[in-house]
Amino acid sequence: MATEPLRNLNTGSARASTWAVRILHPKQDSFSYGRENQSAMHAFDCLLVSDDPAVYCGGALKSPKEQDIKAAMEKFKAKTSWKMSRVVFDTRAKPAFMSHPHKFVVDMKGTTWVAVLTTTIPTTVIPKTSITKILKLRDPSSLIDMAGVLLSGHVN
């Protein structure tokens, strides 16, 4: 079955098409909520990239059971390739807080996943705006704080 590029993923096409994606930067997290933080929630988050490394979106799975998140970490390992279909979006995710260019978060639990052995999908994402360009936008008299995480390579 032919797959669609991720840039074609939207609310209208989500349930009707199939996308080939790669899992990048999977991580797990836990947080408390409710009155006096009496309830706990566990989360799995990752990036999903398709044929164009500049077009990527988020993937998430939330559960009150920590073992569900551990199972997701075991299943959706970094740089593994998948075909996703019958895509469901996380409707609670707010686009204002998304740093990825495609403002959707795929609900990993509600979406159908089939593992793919070989693929030519990129193994990294490329943000559309570079740090150099962002720094040139600022007023020379202003100050900004910036933080980054080195995922691989050498520190000079």
C-alpha atoms as a PDB file:
ATOM      1  CA  MET A   1       0.000   0.000   0.000  1.00  0.00           C
ATOM      2  CA  ALA A   2       1.328   3.458  -0.914  1.00  0.00           C
ATOM      3  CA  THR A   3       2.038   5.869   1.911  1.00  0.00           C
ATOM      4  CA  GLU A   4       1.388   9.584   2.172  1.00  0.00           C
ATOM      5  CA  PRO A   5       3.983  12.203   3.131  1.00  0.00           C
ATOM      6  CA  LEU A   6       3.494  13.554   6.648  1.00  0.00           C
ATOM      7  CA  ARG A   7       2.756  17.048   5.312  1.00  0.00           C
ATOM      8  CA  ASN A   8      -0.589  15.613   4.049  1.00  0.00           C
ATOM      9  CA  LEU A   9      -1.672  14.529   7.540  1.00  0.00           C
ATOM     10  CA  ASN A  10      -4.706  16.497   8.702  1.00  0.00           C
ATOM     11  CA  THR A  11      -8.058  15.864  10.369  1.00  0.00           C
ATOM     12  CA  GLY A  12      -9.642  14.928   7.038  1.00  0.00           C
ATOM     13  CA  SER A  13      -6.978  12.461   5.877  1.00  0.00           C
ATOM     14  CA  ALA A  14      -6.076  10.954   9.257  1.00  0.00           C
ATOM     15  CA  ARG A  15      -8.486   7.998   9.161  1.00  0.00           C
ATOM     16  CA  ALA A  16      -8.270   7.345   5.386  1.00  0.00           C
ATOM     17  CA  SER A  17      -4.556   7.062   4.569  1.00  0.00           C
ATOM     18  CA  THR A  18      -1.324   5.375   5.677  1.00  0.00           C
ATOM     19  CA  TRP A  19       1.944   7.111   6.585  1.00  0.00           C
ATOM     20  CA  ALA A  20       5.475   5.730   6.812  1.00  0.00           C
ATOM     21  CA  VAL A  21       7.186   7.332   9.809  1.00  0.00           C
ATOM     22  CA  ARG A  22      10.270   6.945  11.960  1.00  0.00           C
ATOM     23  CA  ILE A  23      10.263   7.326  15.757  1.00  0.00           C
ATOM     24  CA  LEU A  24      12.790   9.871  17.035  1.00  0.00           C
ATOM     25  CA  HIS A  25      13.725  10.993  20.563  1.00  0.00           C
ATOM     26  CA  PRO A  26      11.323   8.795  22.570  1.00  0.00           C
ATOM     27  CA  LYS A  27      11.089   9.666  26.257  1.00  0.00           C
ATOM     28  CA  GLN A  28       8.938   8.898  29.250  1.00  0.00           C
ATOM     29  CA  ASP A  29       7.736  11.265  31.932  1.00  0.00           C
ATOM     30  CA  SER A  30       5.466  11.301  34.983  1.00  0.00           C
ATOM     31  CA  PHE A  31       3.428  14.063  36.558  1.00  0.00           C
ATOM     32  CA  SER A  32       0.841  14.570  39.273  1.00  0.00           C
ATOM     33  CA  TYR A  33      -2.436  16.429  38.991  1.00  0.00           C
ATOM     34  CA  GLY A  34      -5.649  17.075  40.839  1.00  0.00           C
ATOM     35  CA  ARG A  35      -6.287  18.471  44.270  1.00  0.00           C
ATOM     36  CA  GLU A  36      -3.086  18.177  46.272  1.00  0.00           C
ATOM     37  CA  ASN A  37      -1.520  16.185  43.414  1.00  0.00           C
ATOM     38  CA  GLN A  38      -3.228  12.955  44.502  1.00  0.00           C
ATOM     39  CA  SER A  39      -3.407  11.469  40.977  1.00  0.00           C
ATOM     40  CA  ALA A  40      -0.424  10.406  38.872  1.00  0.00           C
ATOM     41  CA  MET A  41      -0.173  10.241  35.085  1.00  0.00           C
ATOM     42  CA  HIS A  42       2.621   8.754  32.997  1.00  0.00           C
ATOM     43  CA  ALA A  43       3.467   9.858  29.466  1.00  0.00           C
ATOM     44  CA  PHE A  44       5.423   8.666  26.432  1.00  0.00           C
ATOM     45  CA  ASP A  45       6.458  11.370  23.940  1.00  0.00           C
ATOM     46  CA  CYS A  46       8.382  11.215  20.666  1.00  0.00           C
ATOM     47  CA  LEU A  47       8.804  12.914  17.303  1.00  0.00           C
ATOM     48  CA  LEU A  48       7.467  11.354  14.101  1.00  0.00           C
ATOM     49  CA  VAL A  49       9.281  12.137  10.846  1.00  0.00           C
ATOM     50  CA  SER A  50       8.431  11.044   7.321  1.00  0.00           C
ATOM     51  CA  ASP A  51      10.107  11.664   3.961  1.00  0.00           C
ATOM     52  CA  ASP A  52      10.920  15.350   4.631  1.00  0.00           C
ATOM     53  CA  PRO A  53      13.053  15.945   7.772  1.00  0.00           C
ATOM     54  CA  ALA A  54      11.706  19.523   7.980  1.00  0.00           C
ATOM     55  CA  VAL A  55       8.115  18.272   8.389  1.00  0.00           C
ATOM     56  CA  TYR A  56       7.573  16.356  11.610  1.00  0.00           C
ATOM     57  CA  CYS A  57       4.995  16.104  14.373  1.00  0.00           C
ATOM     58  CA  GLY A  58       4.687  14.746  17.873  1.00  0.00           C
ATOM     59  CA  GLY A  59       3.500  11.399  19.123  1.00  0.00           C
ATOM     60  CA  ALA A  60       2.172  10.815  22.643  1.00  0.00           C
ATOM     61  CA  LEU A  61       0.677   8.150  24.852  1.00  0.00           C
ATOM     62  CA  LYS A  62      -0.659   8.957  28.309  1.00  0.00           C
ATOM     63  CA  SER A  63      -1.725   6.438  30.922  1.00  0.00           C
ATOM     64  CA  PRO A  64      -2.211   6.238  34.687  1.00  0.00           C
ATOM     65  CA  LYS A  65      -0.333   2.899  34.509  1.00  0.00           C
ATOM     66  CA  GLU A  66       3.454   3.156  34.391  1.00  0.00           C
ATOM     67  CA  GLN A  67       3.729  -0.290  32.755  1.00  0.00           C
ATOM     68  CA  ASP A  68       1.841   1.043  29.670  1.00  0.00           C
ATOM     69  CA  ILE A  69       4.563   3.651  29.191  1.00  0.00           C
ATOM     70  CA  LYS A  70       7.354   1.130  29.727  1.00  0.00           C
ATOM     71  CA  ALA A  71       5.713  -1.090  27.087  1.00  0.00           C
ATOM     72  CA  ALA A  72       5.572   1.879  24.688  1.00  0.00           C
ATOM     73  CA  MET A  73       9.271   2.626  25.312  1.00  0.00           C
ATOM     74  CA  GLU A  74      10.070  -0.996  24.499  1.00  0.00           C
ATOM     75  CA  LYS A  75       7.871  -1.060  21.379  1.00  0.00           C
ATOM     76  CA  PHE A  76       8.586   2.392  19.909  1.00  0.00           C
ATOM     77  CA  LYS A  77      12.380   2.461  20.130  1.00  0.00           C
ATOM     78  CA  ALA A  78      14.407   5.327  18.688  1.00  0.00           C
ATOM     79  CA  LYS A  79      14.926   5.237  14.912  1.00  0.00           C
ATOM     80  CA  THR A  80      12.496   2.357  14.331  1.00  0.00           C
ATOM     81  CA  SER A  81      10.225   2.645  11.298  1.00  0.00           C
ATOM     82  CA  TRP A  82       6.477   2.161  11.222  1.00  0.00           C
ATOM     83  CA  LYS A  83       3.431   2.469   9.024  1.00  0.00           C
ATOM     84  CA  MET A  84       0.658   4.254  10.859  1.00  0.00           C
ATOM     85  CA  SER A  85      -2.970   4.206   9.789  1.00  0.00           C
ATOM     86  CA  ARG A  86      -6.349   5.123  11.234  1.00  0.00           C
ATOM     87  CA  VAL A  87      -4.563   8.023  12.890  1.00  0.00           C
ATOM     88  CA  VAL A  88      -6.097   9.518  16.023  1.00  0.00           C
ATOM     89  CA  PHE A  89      -4.973  12.922  17.298  1.00  0.00           C
ATOM     90  CA  ASP A  90      -4.419  13.907  20.917  1.00  0.00           C
ATOM     91  CA  THR A  91      -7.190  16.506  21.153  1.00  0.00           C
ATOM     92  CA  ARG A  92      -5.911  17.815  24.495  1.00  0.00           C
ATOM     93  CA  ALA A  93      -2.542  18.873  23.019  1.00  0.00           C
ATOM     94  CA  LYS A  94      -2.337  22.623  22.494  1.00  0.00           C
ATOM     95  CA  PRO A  95      -0.632  23.886  19.291  1.00  0.00           C
ATOM     96  CA  ALA A  96       0.712  26.939  21.145  1.00  0.00           C
ATOM     97  CA  PHE A  97       2.993  24.629  23.159  1.00  0.00           C
ATOM     98  CA  MET A  98       4.231  22.545  20.199  1.00  0.00           C
ATOM     99  CA  SER A  99       7.731  23.206  18.928  1.00  0.00           C
ATOM    100  CA  HIS A 100       7.395  21.013  15.850  1.00  0.00           C
ATOM    101  CA  PRO A 101       6.290  22.533  12.520  1.00  0.00           C
ATOM    102  CA  HIS A 102       3.317  20.185  11.917  1.00  0.00           C
ATOM    103  CA  LYS A 103       0.955  21.211  14.729  1.00  0.00           C
ATOM    104  CA  PHE A 104      -0.516  17.789  15.492  1.00  0.00           C
ATOM    105  CA  VAL A 105       0.198  15.224  18.186  1.00  0.00           C
ATOM    106  CA  VAL A 106      -0.632  11.655  17.201  1.00  0.00           C
ATOM    107  CA  ASP A 107      -2.305   9.577  19.905  1.00  0.00           C
ATOM    108  CA  MET A 108      -0.028   6.523  19.846  1.00  0.00           C
ATOM    109  CA  LYS A 109      -2.589   4.370  21.687  1.00  0.00           C
ATOM    110  CA  GLY A 110      -5.519   4.987  19.325  1.00  0.00           C
ATOM    111  CA  THR A 111      -3.528   4.796  16.075  1.00  0.00           C
ATOM    112  CA  THR A 112      -2.813   1.527  14.228  1.00  0.00           C
ATOM    113  CA  TRP A 113       0.927   0.675  13.946  1.00  0.00           C
ATOM    114  CA  VAL A 114       2.731  -1.877  11.753  1.00  0.00           C
ATOM    115  CA  ALA A 115       6.526  -2.263  12.044  1.00  0.00           C
ATOM    116  CA  VAL A 116       8.614  -1.783   8.874  1.00  0.00           C
ATOM    117  CA  LEU A 117      12.020  -3.431   8.525  1.00  0.00           C
ATOM    118  CA  THR A 118      13.727  -1.219   5.934  1.00  0.00           C
ATOM    119  CA  THR A 119      13.081   2.347   4.969  1.00  0.00           C
ATOM    120  CA  THR A 120      14.712   5.494   3.596  1.00  0.00           C
ATOM    121  CA  ILE A 121      13.045   7.813   6.123  1.00  0.00           C
ATOM    122  CA  PRO A 122      15.499  10.348   7.621  1.00  0.00           C
ATOM    123  CA  THR A 123      17.007   9.595  11.032  1.00  0.00           C
ATOM    124  CA  THR A 124      16.893  13.183  12.246  1.00  0.00           C
ATOM    125  CA  VAL A 125      14.673  16.253  12.021  1.00  0.00           C
ATOM    126  CA  ILE A 126      15.743  19.599  10.612  1.00  0.00           C
ATOM    127  CA  PRO A 127      14.037  22.670  12.076  1.00  0.00           C
ATOM    128  CA  LYS A 128      13.078  25.219   9.412  1.00  0.00           C
ATOM    129  CA  THR A 129      14.755  28.082  11.296  1.00  0.00           C
ATOM    130  CA  SER A 130      18.381  27.843  12.337  1.00  0.00           C
ATOM    131  CA  ILE A 131      19.855  29.328  15.517  1.00  0.00           C
ATOM    132  CA  THR A 132      22.004  31.609  13.357  1.00  0.00           C
ATOM    133  CA  LYS A 133      18.895  33.100  11.742  1.00  0.00           C
ATOM    134  CA  ILE A 134      17.150  33.509  15.106  1.00  0.00           C
ATOM    135  CA  LEU A 135      20.166  35.329  16.558  1.00  0.00           C
ATOM    136  CA  LYS A 136      20.247  37.724  13.587  1.00  0.00           C
ATOM    137  CA  LEU A 137      16.605  38.678  14.280  1.00  0.00           C
ATOM    138  CA  ARG A 138      17.290  40.095  17.717  1.00  0.00           C
ATOM    139  CA  ASP A 139      18.105  43.686  18.512  1.00  0.00           C
ATOM    140  CA  PRO A 140      21.851  43.941  19.337  1.00  0.00           C
ATOM    141  CA  SER A 141      21.016  45.703  22.609  1.00  0.00           C
ATOM    142  CA  SER A 142      18.659  42.933  23.789  1.00  0.00           C
ATOM    143  CA  LEU A 143      19.643  39.869  25.769  1.00  0.00           C
ATOM    144  CA  ILE A 144      18.289  36.378  25.275  1.00  0.00           C
ATOM    145  CA  ASP A 145      18.808  33.067  27.034  1.00  0.00           C
ATOM    146  CA  MET A 146      19.183  29.948  24.957  1.00  0.00           C
ATOM    147  CA  ALA A 147      19.627  26.327  25.974  1.00  0.00           C
ATOM    148  CA  GLY A 148      20.383  23.279  23.866  1.00  0.00           C
ATOM    149  CA  VAL A 149      20.979  19.575  24.233  1.00  0.00           C
ATOM    150  CA  LEU A 150      23.825  17.912  22.381  1.00  0.00           C
ATOM    151  CA  LEU A 151      22.525  14.549  21.197  1.00  0.00           C
ATOM    152  CA  SER A 152      25.733  13.424  19.475  1.00  0.00           C
ATOM    153  CA  GLY A 153      29.088  14.763  18.358  1.00  0.00           C
ATOM    154  CA  HIS A 154      32.050  16.384  20.020  1.00  0.00           C
ATOM    155  CA  VAL A 155      32.105  19.322  22.389  1.00  0.00           C
ATOM    156  CA  ASN A 156      34.894  21.774  21.526  1.00  0.00           C
END
